[in-house]
Amino acid sequence: MLTRTHPARRPLRLAAVWLVCVTVLGVGLLTVRLGYSPLDDPDQAHQRPGFADANKPRSVAPDLAGLGGAGSRGVVFFTRPERLARLIDAHGAGEGLQLLRTAHVVVVQPVKSPGAAPAGVSLLADPTGSVSRALFMRAPRDRGYPVGYAVVGPDGTVRYRTEDPGQDLRLSEVLTAVKDT
């Protein structure tokens, strides 16, 4: 036996289905948005894209103390004072040591650091933001100083740049980007 819905109840059922769908999608969107950090790139397509030359323009790297000269690879890390110790500690073991054997490492932050860096890591203060602008680093969501890195290839050009608030936990990705240049 075939039962039919009364015509007056069809709009109510459609409204209920629509309401459930909107609620489920809204909760999903909210969950995704809560996962964003204020240090992330505002445009997620530019954050850790996974291949060299993804973020234009390809530019000549500025002459930074500790970056090395022509024919050598380098990584310029950008960080904030409260994150510096974790980044420095990460260069003391595992992928950090391997990175130091593969490329010159410069750590840039907006203020002068009172601490010392391990051998092979140069610390640089950038109070005016001129280094981050010269390397075309993007501002994070909070519009503050960048937290990420730029990879300089042997030809002296910036081959990879990204915002990455978890850079101290992902030095293996940095090493991959360096080897790709």
C-alpha atoms as a PDB file:
ATOM      1  CA  MET A   1       0.000   0.000   0.000  1.00  0.00           C
ATOM      2  CA  LEU A   2       1.316   3.352  -1.024  1.00  0.00           C
ATOM      3  CA  THR A   3       1.030   6.228   1.430  1.00  0.00           C
ATOM      4  CA  ARG A   4       1.238   9.828   0.383  1.00  0.00           C
ATOM      5  CA  THR A   5       2.284  12.810   2.407  1.00  0.00           C
ATOM      6  CA  HIS A   6      -0.385  15.362   2.884  1.00  0.00           C
ATOM      7  CA  PRO A   7       0.418  18.354   0.606  1.00  0.00           C
ATOM      8  CA  ALA A   8       0.338  20.778   3.529  1.00  0.00           C
ATOM      9  CA  ARG A   9       3.210  18.921   5.289  1.00  0.00           C
ATOM     10  CA  ARG A  10       5.657  18.911   2.354  1.00  0.00           C
ATOM     11  CA  PRO A  11       6.966  22.455   2.983  1.00  0.00           C
ATOM     12  CA  LEU A  12       7.506  21.619   6.654  1.00  0.00           C
ATOM     13  CA  ARG A  13       9.564  18.542   5.777  1.00  0.00           C
ATOM     14  CA  LEU A  14      11.613  20.474   3.230  1.00  0.00           C
ATOM     15  CA  ALA A  15      12.247  23.209   5.784  1.00  0.00           C
ATOM     16  CA  ALA A  16      13.347  20.616   8.353  1.00  0.00           C
ATOM     17  CA  VAL A  17      15.747  18.964   5.879  1.00  0.00           C
ATOM     18  CA  TRP A  18      17.118  22.372   4.892  1.00  0.00           C
ATOM     19  CA  LEU A  19      17.602  23.375   8.547  1.00  0.00           C
ATOM     20  CA  VAL A  20      19.467  20.149   9.350  1.00  0.00           C
ATOM     21  CA  CYS A  21      21.760  20.591   6.305  1.00  0.00           C
ATOM     22  CA  VAL A  22      22.569  24.202   7.161  1.00  0.00           C
ATOM     23  CA  THR A  23      23.305  23.285  10.777  1.00  0.00           C
ATOM     24  CA  VAL A  24      25.646  20.431   9.814  1.00  0.00           C
ATOM     25  CA  LEU A  25      27.515  22.580   7.274  1.00  0.00           C
ATOM     26  CA  GLY A  26      27.708  25.508   9.708  1.00  0.00           C
ATOM     27  CA  VAL A  27      29.196  23.349  12.465  1.00  0.00           C
ATOM     28  CA  GLY A  28      31.721  21.937   9.975  1.00  0.00           C
ATOM     29  CA  LEU A  29      32.730  25.409   8.825  1.00  0.00           C
ATOM     30  CA  LEU A  30      33.068  26.629  12.403  1.00  0.00           C
ATOM     31  CA  THR A  31      35.248  23.637  13.270  1.00  0.00           C
ATOM     32  CA  VAL A  32      37.580  24.376  10.356  1.00  0.00           C
ATOM     33  CA  ARG A  33      37.794  28.086  11.214  1.00  0.00           C
ATOM     34  CA  LEU A  34      38.682  27.325  14.844  1.00  0.00           C
ATOM     35  CA  GLY A  35      41.731  25.422  13.584  1.00  0.00           C
ATOM     36  CA  TYR A  36      43.272  28.577  12.085  1.00  0.00           C
ATOM     37  CA  SER A  37      46.034  30.312  13.983  1.00  0.00           C
ATOM     38  CA  PRO A  38      46.543  34.088  14.020  1.00  0.00           C
ATOM     39  CA  LEU A  39      50.035  33.288  12.688  1.00  0.00           C
ATOM     40  CA  ASP A  40      48.715  31.464   9.613  1.00  0.00           C
ATOM     41  CA  ASP A  41      48.747  33.039   6.185  1.00  0.00           C
ATOM     42  CA  PRO A  42      45.413  34.759   5.471  1.00  0.00           C
ATOM     43  CA  ASP A  43      45.317  32.905   2.144  1.00  0.00           C
ATOM     44  CA  GLN A  44      45.869  29.227   2.930  1.00  0.00           C
ATOM     45  CA  ALA A  45      46.905  28.552  -0.674  1.00  0.00           C
ATOM     46  CA  HIS A  46      50.158  30.400   0.055  1.00  0.00           C
ATOM     47  CA  GLN A  47      50.919  28.534   3.272  1.00  0.00           C
ATOM     48  CA  ARG A  48      53.227  25.559   2.799  1.00  0.00           C
ATOM     49  CA  PRO A  49      52.283  24.965  -0.857  1.00  0.00           C
ATOM     50  CA  GLY A  50      54.750  22.093  -1.169  1.00  0.00           C
ATOM     51  CA  PHE A  51      56.747  23.078  -4.255  1.00  0.00           C
ATOM     52  CA  ALA A  52      59.385  25.652  -5.146  1.00  0.00           C
ATOM     53  CA  ASP A  53      58.514  28.900  -6.916  1.00  0.00           C
ATOM     54  CA  ALA A  54      54.872  28.686  -5.801  1.00  0.00           C
ATOM     55  CA  ASN A  55      54.723  32.210  -4.412  1.00  0.00           C
ATOM     56  CA  LYS A  56      55.838  34.839  -6.873  1.00  0.00           C
ATOM     57  CA  PRO A  57      57.802  36.983  -7.362  1.00  0.00           C
ATOM     58  CA  ARG A  58      61.071  35.101  -7.578  1.00  0.00           C
ATOM     59  CA  SER A  59      63.529  37.670  -6.329  1.00  0.00           C
ATOM     60  CA  VAL A  60      67.200  38.079  -5.589  1.00  0.00           C
ATOM     61  CA  ALA A  61      67.875  37.486  -1.901  1.00  0.00           C
ATOM     62  CA  PRO A  62      69.300  40.419   0.020  1.00  0.00           C
ATOM     63  CA  ASP A  63      72.868  40.171   1.259  1.00  0.00           C
ATOM     64  CA  LEU A  64      72.446  38.901   4.824  1.00  0.00           C
ATOM     65  CA  ALA A  65      75.269  38.075   7.199  1.00  0.00           C
ATOM     66  CA  GLY A  66      75.432  34.317   7.612  1.00  0.00           C
ATOM     67  CA  LEU A  67      73.454  33.466   4.469  1.00  0.00           C
ATOM     68  CA  GLY A  68      76.475  32.420   2.428  1.00  0.00           C
ATOM     69  CA  GLY A  69      77.435  33.501  -1.026  1.00  0.00           C
ATOM     70  CA  ALA A  70      76.731  32.481  -4.579  1.00  0.00           C
ATOM     71  CA  GLY A  71      76.507  28.750  -5.104  1.00  0.00           C
ATOM     72  CA  SER A  72      75.276  27.983  -1.593  1.00  0.00           C
ATOM     73  CA  ARG A  73      71.801  27.322  -0.264  1.00  0.00           C
ATOM     74  CA  GLY A  74      70.281  29.198   2.604  1.00  0.00           C
ATOM     75  CA  VAL A  75      67.188  29.375   4.782  1.00  0.00           C
ATOM     76  CA  VAL A  76      65.965  32.567   6.391  1.00  0.00           C
ATOM     77  CA  PHE A  77      63.625  31.817   9.287  1.00  0.00           C
ATOM     78  CA  PHE A  78      61.326  34.548  10.569  1.00  0.00           C
ATOM     79  CA  THR A  79      60.106  34.278  14.132  1.00  0.00           C
ATOM     80  CA  ARG A  80      58.946  36.271  17.114  1.00  0.00           C
ATOM     81  CA  PRO A  81      60.816  36.598  20.427  1.00  0.00           C
ATOM     82  CA  GLU A  82      58.507  34.250  22.348  1.00  0.00           C
ATOM     83  CA  ARG A  83      59.081  31.525  19.722  1.00  0.00           C
ATOM     84  CA  LEU A  84      62.842  31.941  19.275  1.00  0.00           C
ATOM     85  CA  ALA A  85      63.977  29.420  21.913  1.00  0.00           C
ATOM     86  CA  ARG A  86      61.904  26.604  20.365  1.00  0.00           C
ATOM     87  CA  LEU A  87      63.277  27.334  16.895  1.00  0.00           C
ATOM     88  CA  ILE A  88      66.870  27.468  18.142  1.00  0.00           C
ATOM     89  CA  ASP A  89      66.414  24.230  20.115  1.00  0.00           C
ATOM     90  CA  ALA A  90      65.007  22.500  17.026  1.00  0.00           C
ATOM     91  CA  HIS A  91      68.291  23.146  15.208  1.00  0.00           C
ATOM     92  CA  GLY A  92      70.183  21.196  17.851  1.00  0.00           C
ATOM     93  CA  ALA A  93      68.985  17.708  16.866  1.00  0.00           C
ATOM     94  CA  GLY A  94      67.723  15.490  14.043  1.00  0.00           C
ATOM     95  CA  GLU A  95      66.566  17.331  10.944  1.00  0.00           C
ATOM     96  CA  GLY A  96      67.868  20.597  12.385  1.00  0.00           C
ATOM     97  CA  LEU A  97      71.450  19.310  12.343  1.00  0.00           C
ATOM     98  CA  GLN A  98      70.964  17.881   8.872  1.00  0.00           C
ATOM     99  CA  LEU A  99      69.609  21.238   7.720  1.00  0.00           C
ATOM    100  CA  LEU A 100      72.693  22.992   9.124  1.00  0.00           C
ATOM    101  CA  ARG A 101      74.902  20.638   7.084  1.00  0.00           C
ATOM    102  CA  THR A 102      72.879  21.366   3.922  1.00  0.00           C
ATOM    103  CA  ALA A 103      72.306  25.129   4.057  1.00  0.00           C
ATOM    104  CA  HIS A 104      73.272  28.364   5.777  1.00  0.00           C
ATOM    105  CA  VAL A 105      70.662  29.301   8.377  1.00  0.00           C
ATOM    106  CA  VAL A 106      69.691  32.815   9.420  1.00  0.00           C
ATOM    107  CA  VAL A 107      67.014  33.462  12.055  1.00  0.00           C
ATOM    108  CA  VAL A 108      65.400  36.895  11.842  1.00  0.00           C
ATOM    109  CA  GLN A 109      63.158  38.452  14.469  1.00  0.00           C
ATOM    110  CA  PRO A 110      61.874  41.970  15.061  1.00  0.00           C
ATOM    111  CA  VAL A 111      64.056  42.636  18.135  1.00  0.00           C
ATOM    112  CA  LYS A 112      67.658  41.924  19.090  1.00  0.00           C
ATOM    113  CA  SER A 113      67.978  38.653  20.962  1.00  0.00           C
ATOM    114  CA  PRO A 114      70.001  38.435  24.180  1.00  0.00           C
ATOM    115  CA  GLY A 115      70.552  34.699  23.661  1.00  0.00           C
ATOM    116  CA  ALA A 116      73.128  32.832  21.660  1.00  0.00           C
ATOM    117  CA  ALA A 117      72.540  30.612  18.681  1.00  0.00           C
ATOM    118  CA  PRO A 118      74.193  27.265  17.985  1.00  0.00           C
ATOM    119  CA  ALA A 119      77.078  27.046  15.552  1.00  0.00           C
ATOM    120  CA  GLY A 120      75.845  27.492  12.000  1.00  0.00           C
ATOM    121  CA  VAL A 121      72.838  29.653  12.923  1.00  0.00           C
ATOM    122  CA  SER A 122      73.080  33.428  12.564  1.00  0.00           C
ATOM    123  CA  LEU A 123      70.691  35.669  14.510  1.00  0.00           C
ATOM    124  CA  LEU A 124      69.554  38.934  12.963  1.00  0.00           C
ATOM    125  CA  ALA A 125      67.302  41.701  14.307  1.00  0.00           C
ATOM    126  CA  ASP A 126      64.855  43.308  11.861  1.00  0.00           C
ATOM    127  CA  PRO A 127      63.092  46.070  13.837  1.00  0.00           C
ATOM    128  CA  THR A 128      61.933  47.928  10.704  1.00  0.00           C
ATOM    129  CA  GLY A 129      60.754  44.813   8.830  1.00  0.00           C
ATOM    130  CA  SER A 130      63.056  45.578   5.901  1.00  0.00           C
ATOM    131  CA  VAL A 131      64.371  42.002   5.663  1.00  0.00           C
ATOM    132  CA  SER A 132      60.883  40.485   5.590  1.00  0.00           C
ATOM    133  CA  ARG A 133      59.814  43.011   2.923  1.00  0.00           C
ATOM    134  CA  ALA A 134      62.953  42.362   0.847  1.00  0.00           C
ATOM    135  CA  LEU A 135      62.108  38.654   0.844  1.00  0.00           C
ATOM    136  CA  PHE A 136      58.415  39.345   0.070  1.00  0.00           C
ATOM    137  CA  MET A 137      57.223  37.550   3.199  1.00  0.00           C
ATOM    138  CA  ARG A 138      53.477  37.732   3.654  1.00  0.00           C
ATOM    139  CA  ALA A 139      51.935  39.104   6.832  1.00  0.00           C
ATOM    140  CA  PRO A 140      50.084  36.543   8.972  1.00  0.00           C
ATOM    141  CA  ARG A 141      46.415  36.843   9.942  1.00  0.00           C
ATOM    142  CA  ASP A 142      47.259  39.008  12.967  1.00  0.00           C
ATOM    143  CA  ARG A 143      49.124  41.452  10.634  1.00  0.00           C
ATOM    144  CA  GLY A 144      52.240  41.216  12.841  1.00  0.00           C
ATOM    145  CA  TYR A 145      55.779  40.113  12.060  1.00  0.00           C
ATOM    146  CA  PRO A 146      55.966  37.005   9.824  1.00  0.00           C
ATOM    147  CA  VAL A 147      56.496  33.558  11.290  1.00  0.00           C
ATOM    148  CA  GLY A 148      57.782  31.374   8.481  1.00  0.00           C
ATOM    149  CA  TYR A 149      60.798  30.929   6.262  1.00  0.00           C
ATOM    150  CA  ALA A 150      62.299  31.642   2.867  1.00  0.00           C
ATOM    151  CA  VAL A 151      64.616  29.262   1.015  1.00  0.00           C
ATOM    152  CA  VAL A 152      67.389  30.770  -1.075  1.00  0.00           C
ATOM    153  CA  GLY A 153      68.741  28.640  -3.907  1.00  0.00           C
ATOM    154  CA  PRO A 154      72.345  28.400  -5.104  1.00  0.00           C
ATOM    155  CA  ASP A 155      71.570  31.009  -7.774  1.00  0.00           C
ATOM    156  CA  GLY A 156      70.905  33.580  -5.025  1.00  0.00           C
ATOM    157  CA  THR A 157      67.167  33.841  -5.646  1.00  0.00           C
ATOM    158  CA  VAL A 158      64.336  33.164  -3.225  1.00  0.00           C
ATOM    159  CA  ARG A 159      62.837  29.872  -4.367  1.00  0.00           C
ATOM    160  CA  TYR A 160      60.316  29.186  -1.620  1.00  0.00           C
ATOM    161  CA  ARG A 161      58.617  31.354   0.991  1.00  0.00           C
ATOM    162  CA  THR A 162      55.825  30.551   3.375  1.00  0.00           C
ATOM    163  CA  GLU A 163      54.155  31.414   6.634  1.00  0.00           C
ATOM    164  CA  ASP A 164      54.541  28.444   8.970  1.00  0.00           C
ATOM    165  CA  PRO A 165      53.868  28.886  12.693  1.00  0.00           C
ATOM    166  CA  GLY A 166      54.937  25.259  13.268  1.00  0.00           C
ATOM    167  CA  GLN A 167      58.286  25.597  11.550  1.00  0.00           C
ATOM    168  CA  ASP A 168      60.196  24.355  14.591  1.00  0.00           C
ATOM    169  CA  LEU A 169      58.229  21.079  14.379  1.00  0.00           C
ATOM    170  CA  ARG A 170      58.611  20.661  10.601  1.00  0.00           C
ATOM    171  CA  LEU A 171      62.300  21.075   9.861  1.00  0.00           C
ATOM    172  CA  SER A 172      62.065  17.966   7.681  1.00  0.00           C
ATOM    173  CA  GLU A 173      59.769  19.954   5.339  1.00  0.00           C
ATOM    174  CA  VAL A 174      62.266  22.826   5.324  1.00  0.00           C
ATOM    175  CA  LEU A 175      65.025  20.363   4.470  1.00  0.00           C
ATOM    176  CA  THR A 176      62.924  18.992   1.601  1.00  0.00           C
ATOM    177  CA  ALA A 177      62.373  22.518   0.246  1.00  0.00           C
ATOM    178  CA  VAL A 178      66.119  23.237   0.485  1.00  0.00           C
ATOM    179  CA  LYS A 179      67.006  20.045  -1.369  1.00  0.00           C
ATOM    180  CA  ASP A 180      64.439  20.931  -4.061  1.00  0.00           C
ATOM    181  CA  THR A 181      66.353  24.083  -4.994  1.00  0.00           C
END
